[in-house]
Amino acid sequence: MKSKPALLPGTISREAVGNLQDLHAFYLVDMPEKNLEAFIKTHISKQEAITSTGSFYDGARNTYRDIVVNVKTHLLRVYLAELIYTFASGKNPDTTYLRLDSNTVYLNARNNIALVPQNANINAILYTKPSLVHRAAGKISIKINPNNVNQLIRIYNSEPLGPVTPLCMENSLLYTLEFRWNHNKTVTAQADVCGAAMDVSYGAKKHISIYESCSLTKNIAGILDKQHLLKAAKFLSKFVQGCQ
């Protein structure tokens, strides 16, 4: 359709994340609303998964429904890839108005931003009570053994730039990594309990956000295990359960 049908919303709820690209179009489908919903649910591919469904009212009391589908792709580095089907009954019982949105947030290469050399030393701080209630307590300072440093640095340097995400709750730090070399060179990466965005400070307190896909956290948990810090390793492992 060339223009938005009055029964469909002009905007939809989106992920609270920056750098989001939205492409959308409107259609008139020769199918009743219930049939269209059933068709969508039974025709998703192996790379797709339904994450939510719902019913909504707008200011004019129009009723519409939506289906949100997560899309997994290995061809591009993405933080978010989803399809949102929003539909409302057409002017007769045998038609349905459909709005289809493609929402994508791409991950960009770091290039040379906030990288650290392989000869850097690493100090880690783990917070075993990362919440507002506990005020990020349970602080454990960990010196990473030299034989475990190289792999950890390679993983850190390979992480892409992440999207701008909402701030996590106060005092929610999970762990901090401080990389230090040449006496006065430092890069500090902080992870919190809310997700994959890490805040990295470097070069006179410049900041970037990088995407941590669990590989860094998994590696740190493995290092803690190797260094016989079993209690800390077990605690951190809870935050990587279900990661790919």
C-alpha atoms as a PDB file:
ATOM      1  CA  MET A   1       0.000   0.000   0.000  1.00  0.00           C
ATOM      2  CA  LYS A   2       1.221   3.523  -0.779  1.00  0.00           C
ATOM      3  CA  SER A   3       0.097   4.982   2.552  1.00  0.00           C
ATOM      4  CA  LYS A   4      -0.611   3.810   6.098  1.00  0.00           C
ATOM      5  CA  PRO A   5      -4.106   2.419   6.717  1.00  0.00           C
ATOM      6  CA  ALA A   6      -5.933   4.319   9.471  1.00  0.00           C
ATOM      7  CA  LEU A   7      -6.420   1.129  11.509  1.00  0.00           C
ATOM      8  CA  LEU A   8      -2.672   0.499  11.846  1.00  0.00           C
ATOM      9  CA  PRO A   9      -0.333   2.455  14.170  1.00  0.00           C
ATOM     10  CA  GLY A  10       2.028   5.065  12.798  1.00  0.00           C
ATOM     11  CA  THR A  11       4.771   3.947  15.178  1.00  0.00           C
ATOM     12  CA  ILE A  12       5.508   0.687  16.961  1.00  0.00           C
ATOM     13  CA  SER A  13       7.308  -0.227  20.169  1.00  0.00           C
ATOM     14  CA  ARG A  14      10.983  -0.826  19.472  1.00  0.00           C
ATOM     15  CA  GLU A  15      13.982  -2.083  21.385  1.00  0.00           C
ATOM     16  CA  ALA A  16      15.446   0.622  23.625  1.00  0.00           C
ATOM     17  CA  VAL A  17      18.773   0.676  21.807  1.00  0.00           C
ATOM     18  CA  GLY A  18      20.626   3.229  19.728  1.00  0.00           C
ATOM     19  CA  ASN A  19      21.690   2.900  16.082  1.00  0.00           C
ATOM     20  CA  LEU A  20      18.503   1.009  15.234  1.00  0.00           C
ATOM     21  CA  GLN A  21      17.558   0.931  11.544  1.00  0.00           C
ATOM     22  CA  ASP A  22      13.875   0.430  10.760  1.00  0.00           C
ATOM     23  CA  LEU A  23      12.444  -0.399   7.342  1.00  0.00           C
ATOM     24  CA  HIS A  24       8.691  -0.885   7.102  1.00  0.00           C
ATOM     25  CA  ALA A  25       5.869  -1.196   4.596  1.00  0.00           C
ATOM     26  CA  PHE A  26       2.073  -1.617   4.635  1.00  0.00           C
ATOM     27  CA  TYR A  27       0.061  -4.343   2.936  1.00  0.00           C
ATOM     28  CA  LEU A  28      -3.535  -5.385   2.360  1.00  0.00           C
ATOM     29  CA  VAL A  29      -3.699  -9.174   2.672  1.00  0.00           C
ATOM     30  CA  ASP A  30      -6.548 -11.257   1.224  1.00  0.00           C
ATOM     31  CA  MET A  31      -6.865 -13.353   4.354  1.00  0.00           C
ATOM     32  CA  PRO A  32      -8.842 -13.016   7.616  1.00  0.00           C
ATOM     33  CA  GLU A  33      -6.865 -11.741  10.594  1.00  0.00           C
ATOM     34  CA  LYS A  34      -6.887 -15.063  12.496  1.00  0.00           C
ATOM     35  CA  ASN A  35      -5.757 -16.934   9.395  1.00  0.00           C
ATOM     36  CA  LEU A  36      -2.942 -14.458   8.780  1.00  0.00           C
ATOM     37  CA  GLU A  37      -1.716 -14.783  12.375  1.00  0.00           C
ATOM     38  CA  ALA A  38      -1.759 -18.589  12.101  1.00  0.00           C
ATOM     39  CA  PHE A  39       0.019 -18.413   8.722  1.00  0.00           C
ATOM     40  CA  ILE A  40       2.844 -16.273  10.118  1.00  0.00           C
ATOM     41  CA  LYS A  41       3.321 -18.537  13.143  1.00  0.00           C
ATOM     42  CA  THR A  42       3.497 -21.697  11.018  1.00  0.00           C
ATOM     43  CA  HIS A  43       5.769 -20.314   8.292  1.00  0.00           C
ATOM     44  CA  ILE A  44       8.802 -19.036  10.197  1.00  0.00           C
ATOM     45  CA  SER A  45      12.146 -20.490   9.142  1.00  0.00           C
ATOM     46  CA  LYS A  46      14.699 -22.436  11.191  1.00  0.00           C
ATOM     47  CA  GLN A  47      16.662 -19.199  11.623  1.00  0.00           C
ATOM     48  CA  GLU A  48      13.672 -17.446  13.202  1.00  0.00           C
ATOM     49  CA  ALA A  49      11.958 -17.617  16.594  1.00  0.00           C
ATOM     50  CA  ILE A  50       8.838 -15.888  17.891  1.00  0.00           C
ATOM     51  CA  THR A  51       9.789 -13.780  20.926  1.00  0.00           C
ATOM     52  CA  SER A  52       6.434 -12.153  21.749  1.00  0.00           C
ATOM     53  CA  THR A  53       2.811 -11.656  20.688  1.00  0.00           C
ATOM     54  CA  GLY A  54       0.296  -9.116  21.970  1.00  0.00           C
ATOM     55  CA  SER A  55      -2.856  -7.062  21.517  1.00  0.00           C
ATOM     56  CA  PHE A  56      -2.959  -3.266  21.672  1.00  0.00           C
ATOM     57  CA  TYR A  57      -5.277  -0.246  21.498  1.00  0.00           C
ATOM     58  CA  ASP A  58      -4.345   3.134  20.083  1.00  0.00           C
ATOM     59  CA  GLY A  59      -5.731   6.560  20.998  1.00  0.00           C
ATOM     60  CA  ALA A  60      -8.656   6.129  18.616  1.00  0.00           C
ATOM     61  CA  ARG A  61      -9.533   2.798  20.251  1.00  0.00           C
ATOM     62  CA  ASN A  62      -8.457   0.838  17.203  1.00  0.00           C
ATOM     63  CA  THR A  63      -7.368  -2.699  17.984  1.00  0.00           C
ATOM     64  CA  TYR A  64      -4.320  -4.346  16.476  1.00  0.00           C
ATOM     65  CA  ARG A  65      -2.043  -7.292  17.232  1.00  0.00           C
ATOM     66  CA  ASP A  66       1.607  -7.994  16.652  1.00  0.00           C
ATOM     67  CA  ILE A  67       4.079 -10.839  16.411  1.00  0.00           C
ATOM     68  CA  VAL A  68       7.790 -10.189  17.028  1.00  0.00           C
ATOM     69  CA  VAL A  69      10.203 -12.608  15.359  1.00  0.00           C
ATOM     70  CA  ASN A  70      13.920 -12.779  16.123  1.00  0.00           C
ATOM     71  CA  VAL A  71      16.110 -13.563  13.109  1.00  0.00           C
ATOM     72  CA  LYS A  72      19.465 -15.307  13.516  1.00  0.00           C
ATOM     73  CA  THR A  73      21.999 -14.552  10.817  1.00  0.00           C
ATOM     74  CA  HIS A  74      25.617 -15.650  10.478  1.00  0.00           C
ATOM     75  CA  LEU A  75      26.244 -13.550   7.378  1.00  0.00           C
ATOM     76  CA  LEU A  76      26.447 -10.215   9.215  1.00  0.00           C
ATOM     77  CA  ARG A  77      27.563  -9.115  12.667  1.00  0.00           C
ATOM     78  CA  VAL A  78      24.380  -7.832  14.233  1.00  0.00           C
ATOM     79  CA  TYR A  79      23.259  -6.994  17.746  1.00  0.00           C
ATOM     80  CA  LEU A  80      19.582  -7.109  16.819  1.00  0.00           C
ATOM     81  CA  ALA A  81      17.704  -8.490  13.821  1.00  0.00           C
ATOM     82  CA  GLU A  82      13.946  -8.851  14.100  1.00  0.00           C
ATOM     83  CA  LEU A  83      10.750  -8.757  12.086  1.00  0.00           C
ATOM     84  CA  ILE A  84       7.616  -7.209  13.599  1.00  0.00           C
ATOM     85  CA  TYR A  85       4.264  -8.144  12.067  1.00  0.00           C
ATOM     86  CA  THR A  86       1.502  -5.721  13.119  1.00  0.00           C
ATOM     87  CA  PHE A  87      -1.990  -6.414  11.801  1.00  0.00           C
ATOM     88  CA  ALA A  88      -5.601  -5.238  12.102  1.00  0.00           C
ATOM     89  CA  SER A  89      -8.892  -6.332  10.561  1.00  0.00           C
ATOM     90  CA  GLY A  90      -9.559  -4.953   7.092  1.00  0.00           C
ATOM     91  CA  LYS A  91     -12.734  -3.290   5.869  1.00  0.00           C
ATOM     92  CA  ASN A  92     -14.336  -6.699   5.394  1.00  0.00           C
ATOM     93  CA  PRO A  93     -13.901  -9.987   7.315  1.00  0.00           C
ATOM     94  CA  ASP A  94     -11.789 -11.582   4.576  1.00  0.00           C
ATOM     95  CA  THR A  95      -8.976  -8.997   4.516  1.00  0.00           C
ATOM     96  CA  THR A  96      -6.296  -7.823   6.946  1.00  0.00           C
ATOM     97  CA  TYR A  97      -4.103  -4.750   7.079  1.00  0.00           C
ATOM     98  CA  LEU A  98      -0.461  -5.616   7.776  1.00  0.00           C
ATOM     99  CA  ARG A  99       2.502  -3.494   8.782  1.00  0.00           C
ATOM    100  CA  LEU A 100       5.843  -5.284   8.452  1.00  0.00           C
ATOM    101  CA  ASP A 101       8.949  -3.821  10.148  1.00  0.00           C
ATOM    102  CA  SER A 102      12.527  -4.968   9.786  1.00  0.00           C
ATOM    103  CA  ASN A 103      14.570  -3.722  12.765  1.00  0.00           C
ATOM    104  CA  THR A 104      18.340  -4.117  12.668  1.00  0.00           C
ATOM    105  CA  VAL A 105      21.281  -2.922  14.757  1.00  0.00           C
ATOM    106  CA  TYR A 106      24.642  -3.655  13.170  1.00  0.00           C
ATOM    107  CA  LEU A 107      27.912  -4.217  15.005  1.00  0.00           C
ATOM    108  CA  ASN A 108      30.897  -2.275  13.678  1.00  0.00           C
ATOM    109  CA  ALA A 109      34.569  -3.237  13.732  1.00  0.00           C
ATOM    110  CA  ARG A 110      36.715  -1.568  16.396  1.00  0.00           C
ATOM    111  CA  ASN A 111      39.620  -0.910  14.049  1.00  0.00           C
ATOM    112  CA  ASN A 112      42.287   0.542  16.385  1.00  0.00           C
ATOM    113  CA  ILE A 113      39.992   1.969  19.040  1.00  0.00           C
ATOM    114  CA  ALA A 114      40.975   1.075  22.627  1.00  0.00           C
ATOM    115  CA  LEU A 115      43.022  -1.991  21.678  1.00  0.00           C
ATOM    116  CA  VAL A 116      45.676  -3.269  24.066  1.00  0.00           C
ATOM    117  CA  PRO A 117      49.037  -4.933  23.277  1.00  0.00           C
ATOM    118  CA  GLN A 118      49.735  -8.573  24.065  1.00  0.00           C
ATOM    119  CA  ASN A 119      52.316  -7.585  26.699  1.00  0.00           C
ATOM    120  CA  ALA A 120      49.738  -5.816  28.880  1.00  0.00           C
ATOM    121  CA  ASN A 121      49.130  -6.884  32.453  1.00  0.00           C
ATOM    122  CA  ILE A 122      45.557  -7.522  33.534  1.00  0.00           C
ATOM    123  CA  ASN A 123      43.957  -6.901  36.891  1.00  0.00           C
ATOM    124  CA  ALA A 124      40.361  -8.002  37.355  1.00  0.00           C
ATOM    125  CA  ILE A 125      37.752  -7.106  39.945  1.00  0.00           C
ATOM    126  CA  LEU A 126      34.731  -9.379  40.342  1.00  0.00           C
ATOM    127  CA  TYR A 127      31.615  -8.259  42.205  1.00  0.00           C
ATOM    128  CA  THR A 128      29.737 -11.216  43.659  1.00  0.00           C
ATOM    129  CA  LYS A 129      26.743  -9.094  44.729  1.00  0.00           C
ATOM    130  CA  PRO A 130      26.103  -6.842  41.720  1.00  0.00           C
ATOM    131  CA  SER A 131      22.827  -5.131  42.505  1.00  0.00           C
ATOM    132  CA  LEU A 132      21.320  -1.925  43.828  1.00  0.00           C
ATOM    133  CA  VAL A 133      20.419  -3.643  47.092  1.00  0.00           C
ATOM    134  CA  HIS A 134      23.935  -4.928  47.742  1.00  0.00           C
ATOM    135  CA  ARG A 135      25.667  -1.890  46.170  1.00  0.00           C
ATOM    136  CA  ALA A 136      28.000  -3.994  43.993  1.00  0.00           C
ATOM    137  CA  ALA A 137      29.541  -5.638  47.023  1.00  0.00           C
ATOM    138  CA  GLY A 138      31.523  -8.839  47.389  1.00  0.00           C
ATOM    139  CA  LYS A 139      34.544  -7.282  45.683  1.00  0.00           C
ATOM    140  CA  ILE A 140      37.265  -9.773  44.724  1.00  0.00           C
ATOM    141  CA  SER A 141      40.547  -8.512  43.235  1.00  0.00           C
ATOM    142  CA  ILE A 142      42.178 -11.002  40.864  1.00  0.00           C
ATOM    143  CA  LYS A 143      45.618 -10.933  39.276  1.00  0.00           C
ATOM    144  CA  ILE A 144      45.453 -12.751  35.932  1.00  0.00           C
ATOM    145  CA  ASN A 145      48.385 -15.154  35.595  1.00  0.00           C
ATOM    146  CA  PRO A 146      50.740 -14.354  32.657  1.00  0.00           C
ATOM    147  CA  ASN A 147      50.039 -17.705  30.955  1.00  0.00           C
ATOM    148  CA  ASN A 148      46.334 -16.794  30.731  1.00  0.00           C
ATOM    149  CA  VAL A 149      46.782 -13.225  29.522  1.00  0.00           C
ATOM    150  CA  ASN A 150      47.297 -13.685  25.764  1.00  0.00           C
ATOM    151  CA  GLN A 151      44.019 -15.427  25.011  1.00  0.00           C
ATOM    152  CA  LEU A 152      42.042 -12.977  27.114  1.00  0.00           C
ATOM    153  CA  ILE A 153      43.598  -9.991  25.315  1.00  0.00           C
ATOM    154  CA  ARG A 154      42.923 -11.540  21.886  1.00  0.00           C
ATOM    155  CA  ILE A 155      39.241 -11.990  22.741  1.00  0.00           C
ATOM    156  CA  TYR A 156      38.948  -8.477  24.159  1.00  0.00           C
ATOM    157  CA  ASN A 157      40.589  -6.938  21.060  1.00  0.00           C
ATOM    158  CA  SER A 158      38.272  -8.885  18.736  1.00  0.00           C
ATOM    159  CA  GLU A 159      35.047  -7.573  20.274  1.00  0.00           C
ATOM    160  CA  PRO A 160      33.208  -5.133  17.953  1.00  0.00           C
ATOM    161  CA  LEU A 161      31.791  -1.743  18.789  1.00  0.00           C
ATOM    162  CA  GLY A 162      28.435  -2.167  20.461  1.00  0.00           C
ATOM    163  CA  PRO A 163      25.221  -0.178  20.216  1.00  0.00           C
ATOM    164  CA  VAL A 164      24.184   2.478  22.684  1.00  0.00           C
ATOM    165  CA  THR A 165      22.001   0.672  25.229  1.00  0.00           C
ATOM    166  CA  PRO A 166      20.014   1.931  28.230  1.00  0.00           C
ATOM    167  CA  LEU A 167      21.966   2.345  31.429  1.00  0.00           C
ATOM    168  CA  CYS A 168      21.827  -0.614  33.739  1.00  0.00           C
ATOM    169  CA  MET A 169      20.601  -0.152  37.292  1.00  0.00           C
ATOM    170  CA  GLU A 170      22.912   1.627  39.702  1.00  0.00           C
ATOM    171  CA  ASN A 171      25.742  -0.386  41.282  1.00  0.00           C
ATOM    172  CA  SER A 172      25.240  -3.263  38.875  1.00  0.00           C
ATOM    173  CA  LEU A 173      28.873  -3.958  37.942  1.00  0.00           C
ATOM    174  CA  LEU A 174      29.680  -7.617  37.377  1.00  0.00           C
ATOM    175  CA  TYR A 175      33.415  -7.304  36.721  1.00  0.00           C
ATOM    176  CA  THR A 176      36.097  -4.829  35.687  1.00  0.00           C
ATOM    177  CA  LEU A 177      39.220  -5.520  33.633  1.00  0.00           C
ATOM    178  CA  GLU A 178      42.139  -3.103  33.852  1.00  0.00           C
ATOM    179  CA  PHE A 179      44.814  -3.485  31.157  1.00  0.00           C
ATOM    180  CA  ARG A 180      48.079  -1.722  31.963  1.00  0.00           C
ATOM    181  CA  TRP A 181      51.340  -1.427  29.996  1.00  0.00           C
ATOM    182  CA  ASN A 182      54.310   0.943  29.638  1.00  0.00           C
ATOM    183  CA  HIS A 183      53.794   2.160  33.208  1.00  0.00           C
ATOM    184  CA  ASN A 184      51.172   4.791  32.355  1.00  0.00           C
ATOM    185  CA  LYS A 185      49.019   3.236  29.605  1.00  0.00           C
ATOM    186  CA  THR A 186      45.656   1.882  30.793  1.00  0.00           C
ATOM    187  CA  VAL A 187      42.366   0.696  29.342  1.00  0.00           C
ATOM    188  CA  THR A 188      39.483  -0.226  31.656  1.00  0.00           C
ATOM    189  CA  ALA A 189      36.521  -2.355  30.551  1.00  0.00           C
ATOM    190  CA  GLN A 190      33.474  -2.686  32.781  1.00  0.00           C
ATOM    191  CA  ALA A 191      30.711  -5.289  32.413  1.00  0.00           C
ATOM    192  CA  ASP A 192      27.372  -5.174  34.208  1.00  0.00           C
ATOM    193  CA  VAL A 193      24.566  -7.650  34.849  1.00  0.00           C
ATOM    194  CA  CYS A 194      22.195  -6.162  32.256  1.00  0.00           C
ATOM    195  CA  GLY A 195      23.665  -7.565  29.082  1.00  0.00           C
ATOM    196  CA  ALA A 196      26.236  -7.475  26.349  1.00  0.00           C
ATOM    197  CA  ALA A 197      27.335  -3.828  26.370  1.00  0.00           C
ATOM    198  CA  MET A 198      30.697  -3.100  28.022  1.00  0.00           C
ATOM    199  CA  ASP A 199      31.803   0.429  28.892  1.00  0.00           C
ATOM    200  CA  VAL A 200      35.461   0.961  27.953  1.00  0.00           C
ATOM    201  CA  SER A 201      37.436   3.991  29.117  1.00  0.00           C
ATOM    202  CA  TYR A 202      40.795   4.903  27.578  1.00  0.00           C
ATOM    203  CA  GLY A 203      42.973   7.863  26.611  1.00  0.00           C
ATOM    204  CA  ALA A 204      42.137  10.592  29.154  1.00  0.00           C
ATOM    205  CA  LYS A 205      38.788   9.033  30.011  1.00  0.00           C
ATOM    206  CA  LYS A 206      37.397   8.671  26.497  1.00  0.00           C
ATOM    207  CA  HIS A 207      34.584   6.117  26.400  1.00  0.00           C
ATOM    208  CA  ILE A 208      33.220   3.611  23.915  1.00  0.00           C
ATOM    209  CA  SER A 209      30.709   0.785  24.181  1.00  0.00           C
ATOM    210  CA  ILE A 210      31.767  -2.641  22.920  1.00  0.00           C
ATOM    211  CA  TYR A 211      29.646  -5.732  22.366  1.00  0.00           C
ATOM    212  CA  GLU A 212      30.501  -8.722  24.552  1.00  0.00           C
ATOM    213  CA  SER A 213      28.915 -11.879  23.157  1.00  0.00           C
ATOM    214  CA  CYS A 214      29.732 -13.945  26.287  1.00  0.00           C
ATOM    215  CA  SER A 215      33.071 -15.137  24.904  1.00  0.00           C
ATOM    216  CA  LEU A 216      35.020 -12.779  27.165  1.00  0.00           C
ATOM    217  CA  THR A 217      32.983 -13.642  30.257  1.00  0.00           C
ATOM    218  CA  LYS A 218      33.273 -17.382  29.518  1.00  0.00           C
ATOM    219  CA  ASN A 219      37.032 -17.043  29.167  1.00  0.00           C
ATOM    220  CA  ILE A 220      37.350 -15.163  32.462  1.00  0.00           C
ATOM    221  CA  ALA A 221      35.310 -17.844  34.226  1.00  0.00           C
ATOM    222  CA  GLY A 222      37.643 -20.481  32.748  1.00  0.00           C
ATOM    223  CA  ILE A 223      40.713 -18.561  33.930  1.00  0.00           C
ATOM    224  CA  LEU A 224      39.309 -18.310  37.450  1.00  0.00           C
ATOM    225  CA  ASP A 225      38.828 -22.053  37.394  1.00  0.00           C
ATOM    226  CA  LYS A 226      42.426 -22.612  36.201  1.00  0.00           C
ATOM    227  CA  GLN A 227      43.696 -20.348  38.969  1.00  0.00           C
ATOM    228  CA  HIS A 228      41.715 -22.434  41.487  1.00  0.00           C
ATOM    229  CA  LEU A 229      39.360 -19.586  42.343  1.00  0.00           C
ATOM    230  CA  LEU A 230      36.512 -22.073  42.158  1.00  0.00           C
ATOM    231  CA  LYS A 231      33.886 -20.124  44.073  1.00  0.00           C
ATOM    232  CA  ALA A 232      34.379 -17.031  41.913  1.00  0.00           C
ATOM    233  CA  ALA A 233      34.402 -19.156  38.726  1.00  0.00           C
ATOM    234  CA  LYS A 234      31.137 -20.839  39.691  1.00  0.00           C
ATOM    235  CA  PHE A 235      29.511 -17.477  40.418  1.00  0.00           C
ATOM    236  CA  LEU A 236      30.565 -15.909  37.097  1.00  0.00           C
ATOM    237  CA  SER A 237      29.506 -18.998  35.147  1.00  0.00           C
ATOM    238  CA  LYS A 238      25.889 -18.293  36.113  1.00  0.00           C
ATOM    239  CA  PHE A 239      25.949 -15.247  33.848  1.00  0.00           C
ATOM    240  CA  VAL A 240      26.953 -17.169  30.721  1.00  0.00           C
ATOM    241  CA  GLN A 241      24.343 -19.926  30.970  1.00  0.00           C
ATOM    242  CA  GLY A 242      22.307 -19.974  27.801  1.00  0.00           C
ATOM    243  CA  CYS A 243      24.896 -18.023  25.775  1.00  0.00           C
ATOM    244  CA  GLN A 244      25.701 -19.302  22.331  1.00  0.00           C
END
